Amino acid sequence: MMYQKYKVVFTGGSGRFGSVLRKKFYSKKFFFPSKKELNILSEKSIKKYLIKTKPKILVHLAALSRPMNIHEKNIISSISLNIIGTANIVKICSMLNVKIIYFSTNYVYPCKKGFYSEKDPLLPFNNYAWSKLGGEAAVQMYKNSLILRVCMTEKPFIHKKAFANVYTNFIYHDEVASILLKILNKKGIINLGGDINSVYNFAKKNYSNVKKTILKKGSRINFPLNSSMNINKLKRIINL
């Protein structure tokens, strides 16, 4: 397979998606450094590890994500990890000519009308999305890169209820892992997710006991009604 040609380093390998990658694929050319081995807040640490391993590609997964409200309560951690940490990665990768694949989010779009394409204007939905867009800004400056605006979730679906009036492109982690291997050689920006669906309809395909609920206006739950993306570019690339 194509991925076996390259040495690939994954930051955030102990996270939810990183753990799926480690279980799903085995290759002596895949590296999942611990935070002690590669600390994204230390340029020296990043440089030392990449010089040692000599990868062709770095997949940048390390980030502060959940709980979502932490990005409102603790912007220092959000800025440090998602913006400054990513900028550090970009600086060292550009110095060593290592390609970056950066995992961003569909929340960088306005999340109002839905069906957003890669060329649509951006207006992050919340502080988490602002922090990921801050990372995107650094990655965009380095042309040897690929930005993935991803909408993924754990399998099985982890919630007992799901919104019937919230539309998005949820796809499970293991599916994203398989797609990732097919696009390692791509550059630019790609929306990565499944077909547009309500969260409820998505969840009930694999979790028949999930209960339907509605996200009401004025709810304390800070969740967009329509963060869906146009994934036609992805489909053309991987021939879906």
C-alpha atoms as a PDB file:
ATOM      1  CA  MET A   1       0.000   0.000   0.000  1.00  0.00           C
ATOM      2  CA  MET A   2       1.022   3.602  -0.599  1.00  0.00           C
ATOM      3  CA  TYR A   3       1.501   4.425   3.067  1.00  0.00           C
ATOM      4  CA  GLN A   4       4.220   1.793   3.387  1.00  0.00           C
ATOM      5  CA  LYS A   5       6.477   3.868   1.130  1.00  0.00           C
ATOM      6  CA  TYR A   6       6.709   6.694   3.641  1.00  0.00           C
ATOM      7  CA  LYS A   7       7.870   7.236   7.161  1.00  0.00           C
ATOM      8  CA  VAL A   8       4.975   8.989   8.904  1.00  0.00           C
ATOM      9  CA  VAL A   9       4.990  10.611  12.352  1.00  0.00           C
ATOM     10  CA  PHE A  10       1.693  11.113  14.176  1.00  0.00           C
ATOM     11  CA  THR A  11       1.417  13.663  16.968  1.00  0.00           C
ATOM     12  CA  GLY A  12      -1.373  12.998  19.455  1.00  0.00           C
ATOM     13  CA  GLY A  13      -1.071   9.262  19.047  1.00  0.00           C
ATOM     14  CA  SER A  14      -2.523   8.595  22.495  1.00  0.00           C
ATOM     15  CA  GLY A  15      -5.729  10.515  21.730  1.00  0.00           C
ATOM     16  CA  ARG A  16      -9.050   8.998  20.674  1.00  0.00           C
ATOM     17  CA  PHE A  17      -8.358   8.962  16.942  1.00  0.00           C
ATOM     18  CA  GLY A  18      -4.639   8.294  17.348  1.00  0.00           C
ATOM     19  CA  SER A  19      -5.452   5.191  19.369  1.00  0.00           C
ATOM     20  CA  VAL A  20      -7.666   3.937  16.540  1.00  0.00           C
ATOM     21  CA  LEU A  21      -4.831   4.433  14.063  1.00  0.00           C
ATOM     22  CA  ARG A  22      -2.398   2.498  16.242  1.00  0.00           C
ATOM     23  CA  LYS A  23      -4.782  -0.462  16.486  1.00  0.00           C
ATOM     24  CA  LYS A  24      -5.970  -0.452  12.885  1.00  0.00           C
ATOM     25  CA  PHE A  25      -2.632  -0.248  11.096  1.00  0.00           C
ATOM     26  CA  TYR A  26       0.768  -1.682  11.739  1.00  0.00           C
ATOM     27  CA  SER A  27       3.850  -0.415   9.952  1.00  0.00           C
ATOM     28  CA  LYS A  28       7.449  -0.078  11.051  1.00  0.00           C
ATOM     29  CA  LYS A  29       7.378   3.261   9.231  1.00  0.00           C
ATOM     30  CA  PHE A  30       4.595   4.690  11.413  1.00  0.00           C
ATOM     31  CA  PHE A  31       5.747   6.535  14.530  1.00  0.00           C
ATOM     32  CA  PHE A  32       3.510   7.539  17.441  1.00  0.00           C
ATOM     33  CA  PRO A  33       5.745   9.514  19.809  1.00  0.00           C
ATOM     34  CA  SER A  34       4.707  10.189  23.381  1.00  0.00           C
ATOM     35  CA  LYS A  35       4.525  13.749  24.670  1.00  0.00           C
ATOM     36  CA  LYS A  36       7.880  13.164  26.345  1.00  0.00           C
ATOM     37  CA  GLU A  37       9.435  12.192  23.003  1.00  0.00           C
ATOM     38  CA  LEU A  38       7.811  14.997  20.999  1.00  0.00           C
ATOM     39  CA  ASN A  39       6.386  17.978  22.862  1.00  0.00           C
ATOM     40  CA  ILE A  40       4.619  20.339  20.447  1.00  0.00           C
ATOM     41  CA  LEU A  41       5.263  23.271  22.803  1.00  0.00           C
ATOM     42  CA  SER A  42       9.023  22.809  22.388  1.00  0.00           C
ATOM     43  CA  GLU A  43      10.633  23.524  19.025  1.00  0.00           C
ATOM     44  CA  LYS A  44      13.779  21.795  20.271  1.00  0.00           C
ATOM     45  CA  SER A  45      11.833  18.638  21.102  1.00  0.00           C
ATOM     46  CA  ILE A  46      10.091  18.604  17.716  1.00  0.00           C
ATOM     47  CA  LYS A  47      13.320  19.144  15.804  1.00  0.00           C
ATOM     48  CA  LYS A  48      15.224  16.498  17.758  1.00  0.00           C
ATOM     49  CA  TYR A  49      12.556  13.840  17.137  1.00  0.00           C
ATOM     50  CA  LEU A  50      12.129  14.599  13.422  1.00  0.00           C
ATOM     51  CA  ILE A  51      15.869  14.617  12.783  1.00  0.00           C
ATOM     52  CA  LYS A  52      16.062  11.245  14.525  1.00  0.00           C
ATOM     53  CA  THR A  53      13.169   9.597  12.647  1.00  0.00           C
ATOM     54  CA  LYS A  54      13.474  11.415   9.270  1.00  0.00           C
ATOM     55  CA  PRO A  55       9.800  11.169   8.256  1.00  0.00           C
ATOM     56  CA  LYS A  56       8.409  12.280   4.909  1.00  0.00           C
ATOM     57  CA  ILE A  57       5.048  13.212   6.482  1.00  0.00           C
ATOM     58  CA  LEU A  58       3.874  14.444   9.877  1.00  0.00           C
ATOM     59  CA  VAL A  59       0.172  14.019  10.670  1.00  0.00           C
ATOM     60  CA  HIS A  60      -0.690  16.599  13.307  1.00  0.00           C
ATOM     61  CA  LEU A  61      -3.448  15.279  15.563  1.00  0.00           C
ATOM     62  CA  ALA A  62      -2.294  16.632  18.921  1.00  0.00           C
ATOM     63  CA  ALA A  63      -4.837  19.197  20.109  1.00  0.00           C
ATOM     64  CA  LEU A  64      -7.040  20.338  22.931  1.00  0.00           C
ATOM     65  CA  SER A  65     -10.616  19.426  22.039  1.00  0.00           C
ATOM     66  CA  ARG A  66     -13.096  18.153  24.633  1.00  0.00           C
ATOM     67  CA  PRO A  67     -14.788  19.261  26.769  1.00  0.00           C
ATOM     68  CA  MET A  68     -15.710  21.984  24.297  1.00  0.00           C
ATOM     69  CA  ASN A  69     -16.321  24.605  26.977  1.00  0.00           C
ATOM     70  CA  ILE A  70     -12.687  24.429  28.092  1.00  0.00           C
ATOM     71  CA  HIS A  71     -11.888  26.694  25.144  1.00  0.00           C
ATOM     72  CA  GLU A  72     -14.152  29.339  26.655  1.00  0.00           C
ATOM     73  CA  LYS A  73     -12.945  28.847  30.234  1.00  0.00           C
ATOM     74  CA  ASN A  74      -9.232  28.432  29.576  1.00  0.00           C
ATOM     75  CA  ILE A  75      -8.180  30.241  26.423  1.00  0.00           C
ATOM     76  CA  ILE A  76      -4.530  30.065  27.484  1.00  0.00           C
ATOM     77  CA  SER A  77      -4.423  26.285  27.070  1.00  0.00           C
ATOM     78  CA  SER A  78      -6.443  26.503  23.862  1.00  0.00           C
ATOM     79  CA  ILE A  79      -4.090  29.057  22.323  1.00  0.00           C
ATOM     80  CA  SER A  80      -0.947  27.297  23.564  1.00  0.00           C
ATOM     81  CA  LEU A  81      -1.794  23.824  22.298  1.00  0.00           C
ATOM     82  CA  ASN A  82      -3.890  24.433  19.196  1.00  0.00           C
ATOM     83  CA  ILE A  83      -2.316  27.611  17.816  1.00  0.00           C
ATOM     84  CA  ILE A  84       1.221  27.948  19.186  1.00  0.00           C
ATOM     85  CA  GLY A  85       1.830  24.192  19.199  1.00  0.00           C
ATOM     86  CA  THR A  86       0.751  23.939  15.572  1.00  0.00           C
ATOM     87  CA  ALA A  87       2.892  26.943  14.608  1.00  0.00           C
ATOM     88  CA  ASN A  88       5.881  25.222  16.223  1.00  0.00           C
ATOM     89  CA  ILE A  89       5.212  22.100  14.173  1.00  0.00           C
ATOM     90  CA  VAL A  90       4.994  24.147  10.974  1.00  0.00           C
ATOM     91  CA  LYS A  91       8.250  25.983  11.673  1.00  0.00           C
ATOM     92  CA  ILE A  92      10.253  22.808  12.200  1.00  0.00           C
ATOM     93  CA  CYS A  93       8.603  20.868   9.359  1.00  0.00           C
ATOM     94  CA  SER A  94       9.287  23.725   6.947  1.00  0.00           C
ATOM     95  CA  MET A  95      12.911  23.764   8.116  1.00  0.00           C
ATOM     96  CA  LEU A  96      13.292  20.006   7.520  1.00  0.00           C
ATOM     97  CA  ASN A  97      11.008  19.785   4.461  1.00  0.00           C
ATOM     98  CA  VAL A  98       8.544  17.434   6.135  1.00  0.00           C
ATOM     99  CA  LYS A  99       4.997  17.476   4.772  1.00  0.00           C
ATOM    100  CA  ILE A 100       2.245  18.363   7.276  1.00  0.00           C
ATOM    101  CA  ILE A 101      -1.249  16.883   7.329  1.00  0.00           C
ATOM    102  CA  TYR A 102      -3.276  18.979   9.761  1.00  0.00           C
ATOM    103  CA  PHE A 103      -6.567  17.867  11.290  1.00  0.00           C
ATOM    104  CA  SER A 104      -8.903  20.851  11.539  1.00  0.00           C
ATOM    105  CA  THR A 105     -12.689  20.896  12.033  1.00  0.00           C
ATOM    106  CA  ASN A 106     -15.891  21.591  10.117  1.00  0.00           C
ATOM    107  CA  TYR A 107     -16.682  24.142  12.853  1.00  0.00           C
ATOM    108  CA  VAL A 108     -14.429  26.685  11.110  1.00  0.00           C
ATOM    109  CA  TYR A 109     -17.410  27.309   8.789  1.00  0.00           C
ATOM    110  CA  PRO A 110     -20.292  29.608   9.895  1.00  0.00           C
ATOM    111  CA  CYS A 111     -22.491  26.546  10.640  1.00  0.00           C
ATOM    112  CA  LYS A 112     -25.741  28.193   9.507  1.00  0.00           C
ATOM    113  CA  LYS A 113     -26.731  27.197   5.968  1.00  0.00           C
ATOM    114  CA  GLY A 114     -24.638  24.016   5.679  1.00  0.00           C
ATOM    115  CA  PHE A 115     -23.138  22.330   2.594  1.00  0.00           C
ATOM    116  CA  TYR A 116     -19.934  24.337   2.896  1.00  0.00           C
ATOM    117  CA  SER A 117     -17.228  23.794   0.285  1.00  0.00           C
ATOM    118  CA  GLU A 118     -13.502  24.216   0.820  1.00  0.00           C
ATOM    119  CA  LYS A 119     -13.661  27.632  -0.892  1.00  0.00           C
ATOM    120  CA  ASP A 120     -16.477  29.073   1.224  1.00  0.00           C
ATOM    121  CA  PRO A 121     -15.793  31.939   3.655  1.00  0.00           C
ATOM    122  CA  LEU A 122     -14.893  30.949   7.199  1.00  0.00           C
ATOM    123  CA  LEU A 123     -16.385  32.184  10.466  1.00  0.00           C
ATOM    124  CA  PRO A 124     -15.617  29.800  13.328  1.00  0.00           C
ATOM    125  CA  PHE A 125     -18.594  28.684  15.392  1.00  0.00           C
ATOM    126  CA  ASN A 126     -16.866  28.749  18.791  1.00  0.00           C
ATOM    127  CA  ASN A 127     -13.501  29.211  20.488  1.00  0.00           C
ATOM    128  CA  TYR A 128     -12.478  25.643  19.721  1.00  0.00           C
ATOM    129  CA  ALA A 129     -12.959  26.353  16.016  1.00  0.00           C
ATOM    130  CA  TRP A 130     -11.085  29.665  16.320  1.00  0.00           C
ATOM    131  CA  SER A 131      -8.151  27.803  17.862  1.00  0.00           C
ATOM    132  CA  LYS A 132      -8.158  25.270  15.020  1.00  0.00           C
ATOM    133  CA  LEU A 133      -8.373  28.039  12.445  1.00  0.00           C
ATOM    134  CA  GLY A 134      -5.411  29.674  14.153  1.00  0.00           C
ATOM    135  CA  GLY A 135      -3.513  26.460  13.495  1.00  0.00           C
ATOM    136  CA  GLU A 136      -4.740  26.460   9.900  1.00  0.00           C
ATOM    137  CA  ALA A 137      -3.280  29.940   9.401  1.00  0.00           C
ATOM    138  CA  ALA A 138       0.222  28.663  10.167  1.00  0.00           C
ATOM    139  CA  VAL A 139      -0.220  25.540   8.021  1.00  0.00           C
ATOM    140  CA  GLN A 140      -1.528  27.591   5.074  1.00  0.00           C
ATOM    141  CA  MET A 141       1.780  29.493   4.974  1.00  0.00           C
ATOM    142  CA  TYR A 142       3.642  26.222   4.302  1.00  0.00           C
ATOM    143  CA  LYS A 143       2.783  24.886   0.844  1.00  0.00           C
ATOM    144  CA  ASN A 144       3.933  21.320   1.529  1.00  0.00           C
ATOM    145  CA  SER A 145       0.779  20.653   3.515  1.00  0.00           C
ATOM    146  CA  LEU A 146      -2.734  19.253   3.568  1.00  0.00           C
ATOM    147  CA  ILE A 147      -5.515  20.639   5.771  1.00  0.00           C
ATOM    148  CA  LEU A 148      -8.374  18.256   6.560  1.00  0.00           C
ATOM    149  CA  ARG A 149     -11.584  19.794   7.891  1.00  0.00           C
ATOM    150  CA  VAL A 150     -12.900  16.738   9.638  1.00  0.00           C
ATOM    151  CA  CYS A 151     -16.205  15.705  11.167  1.00  0.00           C
ATOM    152  CA  MET A 152     -15.705  12.394  12.980  1.00  0.00           C
ATOM    153  CA  THR A 153     -16.846  10.586  16.093  1.00  0.00           C
ATOM    154  CA  GLU A 154     -16.254   7.444  18.134  1.00  0.00           C
ATOM    155  CA  LYS A 155     -17.788   4.082  17.315  1.00  0.00           C
ATOM    156  CA  PRO A 156     -20.082   2.981  18.823  1.00  0.00           C
ATOM    157  CA  PHE A 157     -22.016   6.230  19.202  1.00  0.00           C
ATOM    158  CA  ILE A 158     -21.379   7.310  22.783  1.00  0.00           C
ATOM    159  CA  HIS A 159     -24.608   9.205  23.578  1.00  0.00           C
ATOM    160  CA  LYS A 160     -28.016   7.808  24.557  1.00  0.00           C
ATOM    161  CA  LYS A 161     -29.838  10.583  22.701  1.00  0.00           C
ATOM    162  CA  ALA A 162     -29.235  12.204  19.313  1.00  0.00           C
ATOM    163  CA  PHE A 163     -30.574  15.363  17.691  1.00  0.00           C
ATOM    164  CA  ALA A 164     -33.018  14.881  14.806  1.00  0.00           C
ATOM    165  CA  ASN A 165     -32.765  18.525  13.682  1.00  0.00           C
ATOM    166  CA  VAL A 166     -28.965  18.884  13.712  1.00  0.00           C
ATOM    167  CA  TYR A 167     -27.237  18.172  10.393  1.00  0.00           C
ATOM    168  CA  THR A 168     -23.610  17.319   9.912  1.00  0.00           C
ATOM    169  CA  ASN A 169     -21.206  14.863   8.207  1.00  0.00           C
ATOM    170  CA  PHE A 170     -20.381  12.448  11.002  1.00  0.00           C
ATOM    171  CA  ILE A 171     -18.127   9.548  10.071  1.00  0.00           C
ATOM    172  CA  TYR A 172     -16.540   7.020  12.410  1.00  0.00           C
ATOM    173  CA  HIS A 173     -12.858   7.107  13.347  1.00  0.00           C
ATOM    174  CA  ASP A 174     -12.004   3.817  11.659  1.00  0.00           C
ATOM    175  CA  GLU A 175     -13.441   5.071   8.356  1.00  0.00           C
ATOM    176  CA  VAL A 176     -11.382   8.255   8.576  1.00  0.00           C
ATOM    177  CA  ALA A 177      -8.282   6.136   9.208  1.00  0.00           C
ATOM    178  CA  SER A 178      -8.862   4.199   5.988  1.00  0.00           C
ATOM    179  CA  ILE A 179      -9.458   7.391   3.986  1.00  0.00           C
ATOM    180  CA  LEU A 180      -6.349   9.047   5.419  1.00  0.00           C
ATOM    181  CA  LEU A 181      -4.101   6.411   3.884  1.00  0.00           C
ATOM    182  CA  LYS A 182      -5.555   7.196   0.447  1.00  0.00           C
ATOM    183  CA  ILE A 183      -4.807  10.921   0.607  1.00  0.00           C
ATOM    184  CA  LEU A 184      -1.333  11.072   2.154  1.00  0.00           C
ATOM    185  CA  ASN A 185       0.044  12.443  -1.116  1.00  0.00           C
ATOM    186  CA  LYS A 186      -2.549  15.243  -1.495  1.00  0.00           C
ATOM    187  CA  LYS A 187      -2.079  18.935  -0.727  1.00  0.00           C
ATOM    188  CA  GLY A 188      -4.399  21.882  -0.135  1.00  0.00           C
ATOM    189  CA  ILE A 189      -7.683  21.617   1.769  1.00  0.00           C
ATOM    190  CA  ILE A 190     -10.172  18.745   1.836  1.00  0.00           C
ATOM    191  CA  ASN A 191     -13.484  18.441   3.692  1.00  0.00           C
ATOM    192  CA  LEU A 192     -13.498  14.981   5.266  1.00  0.00           C
ATOM    193  CA  GLY A 193     -16.686  13.413   6.542  1.00  0.00           C
ATOM    194  CA  GLY A 194     -19.610  11.222   5.588  1.00  0.00           C
ATOM    195  CA  ASP A 195     -22.767  12.047   3.695  1.00  0.00           C
ATOM    196  CA  ILE A 196     -24.931  14.786   5.199  1.00  0.00           C
ATOM    197  CA  ASN A 197     -27.367  13.407   7.732  1.00  0.00           C
ATOM    198  CA  SER A 198     -29.093  14.304  10.965  1.00  0.00           C
ATOM    199  CA  VAL A 199     -27.171  13.162  14.018  1.00  0.00           C
ATOM    200  CA  TYR A 200     -30.105  10.903  14.942  1.00  0.00           C
ATOM    201  CA  ASN A 201     -30.263   9.162  11.552  1.00  0.00           C
ATOM    202  CA  PHE A 202     -26.493   8.694  11.604  1.00  0.00           C
ATOM    203  CA  ALA A 203     -26.485   7.233  15.108  1.00  0.00           C
ATOM    204  CA  LYS A 204     -29.392   4.842  14.703  1.00  0.00           C
ATOM    205  CA  LYS A 205     -27.663   2.962  11.859  1.00  0.00           C
ATOM    206  CA  ASN A 206     -25.333   1.329  14.394  1.00  0.00           C
ATOM    207  CA  TYR A 207     -27.142   2.044  17.648  1.00  0.00           C
ATOM    208  CA  SER A 208     -30.797   1.067  17.343  1.00  0.00           C
ATOM    209  CA  ASN A 209     -31.607   2.077  20.928  1.00  0.00           C
ATOM    210  CA  VAL A 210     -30.590   5.722  20.525  1.00  0.00           C
ATOM    211  CA  LYS A 211     -33.423   8.078  21.420  1.00  0.00           C
ATOM    212  CA  LYS A 212     -34.513  10.982  19.257  1.00  0.00           C
ATOM    213  CA  THR A 213     -34.346  14.486  20.685  1.00  0.00           C
ATOM    214  CA  ILE A 214     -34.580  18.048  19.343  1.00  0.00           C
ATOM    215  CA  LEU A 215     -32.138  20.902  19.839  1.00  0.00           C
ATOM    216  CA  LYS A 216     -34.331  23.839  20.784  1.00  0.00           C
ATOM    217  CA  LYS A 217     -33.561  27.487  20.154  1.00  0.00           C
ATOM    218  CA  GLY A 218     -32.026  29.106  23.201  1.00  0.00           C
ATOM    219  CA  SER A 219     -30.708  25.789  24.492  1.00  0.00           C
ATOM    220  CA  ARG A 220     -27.670  25.886  26.762  1.00  0.00           C
ATOM    221  CA  ILE A 221     -26.097  23.240  24.547  1.00  0.00           C
ATOM    222  CA  ASN A 222     -23.700  25.087  22.258  1.00  0.00           C
ATOM    223  CA  PHE A 223     -24.138  23.011  19.125  1.00  0.00           C
ATOM    224  CA  PRO A 224     -24.684  24.281  15.551  1.00  0.00           C
ATOM    225  CA  LEU A 225     -27.860  23.292  13.721  1.00  0.00           C
ATOM    226  CA  ASN A 226     -26.138  22.844  10.360  1.00  0.00           C
ATOM    227  CA  SER A 227     -22.364  22.391  10.174  1.00  0.00           C
ATOM    228  CA  SER A 228     -22.603  20.130   7.121  1.00  0.00           C
ATOM    229  CA  MET A 229     -19.946  20.210   4.417  1.00  0.00           C
ATOM    230  CA  ASN A 230     -19.849  19.543   0.708  1.00  0.00           C
ATOM    231  CA  ILE A 231     -17.614  16.450   0.396  1.00  0.00           C
ATOM    232  CA  ASN A 232     -17.662  16.160  -3.404  1.00  0.00           C
ATOM    233  CA  LYS A 233     -13.922  16.908  -3.595  1.00  0.00           C
ATOM    234  CA  LEU A 234     -13.158  14.028  -1.232  1.00  0.00           C
ATOM    235  CA  LYS A 235     -15.413  11.694  -3.222  1.00  0.00           C
ATOM    236  CA  ARG A 236     -13.656  12.560  -6.478  1.00  0.00           C
ATOM    237  CA  ILE A 237     -10.244  11.904  -4.919  1.00  0.00           C
ATOM    238  CA  ILE A 238     -11.051   8.542  -3.401  1.00  0.00           C
ATOM    239  CA  ASN A 239     -13.563   7.514  -6.102  1.00  0.00           C
ATOM    240  CA  LEU A 240     -16.557   7.025  -3.832  1.00  0.00           C
END
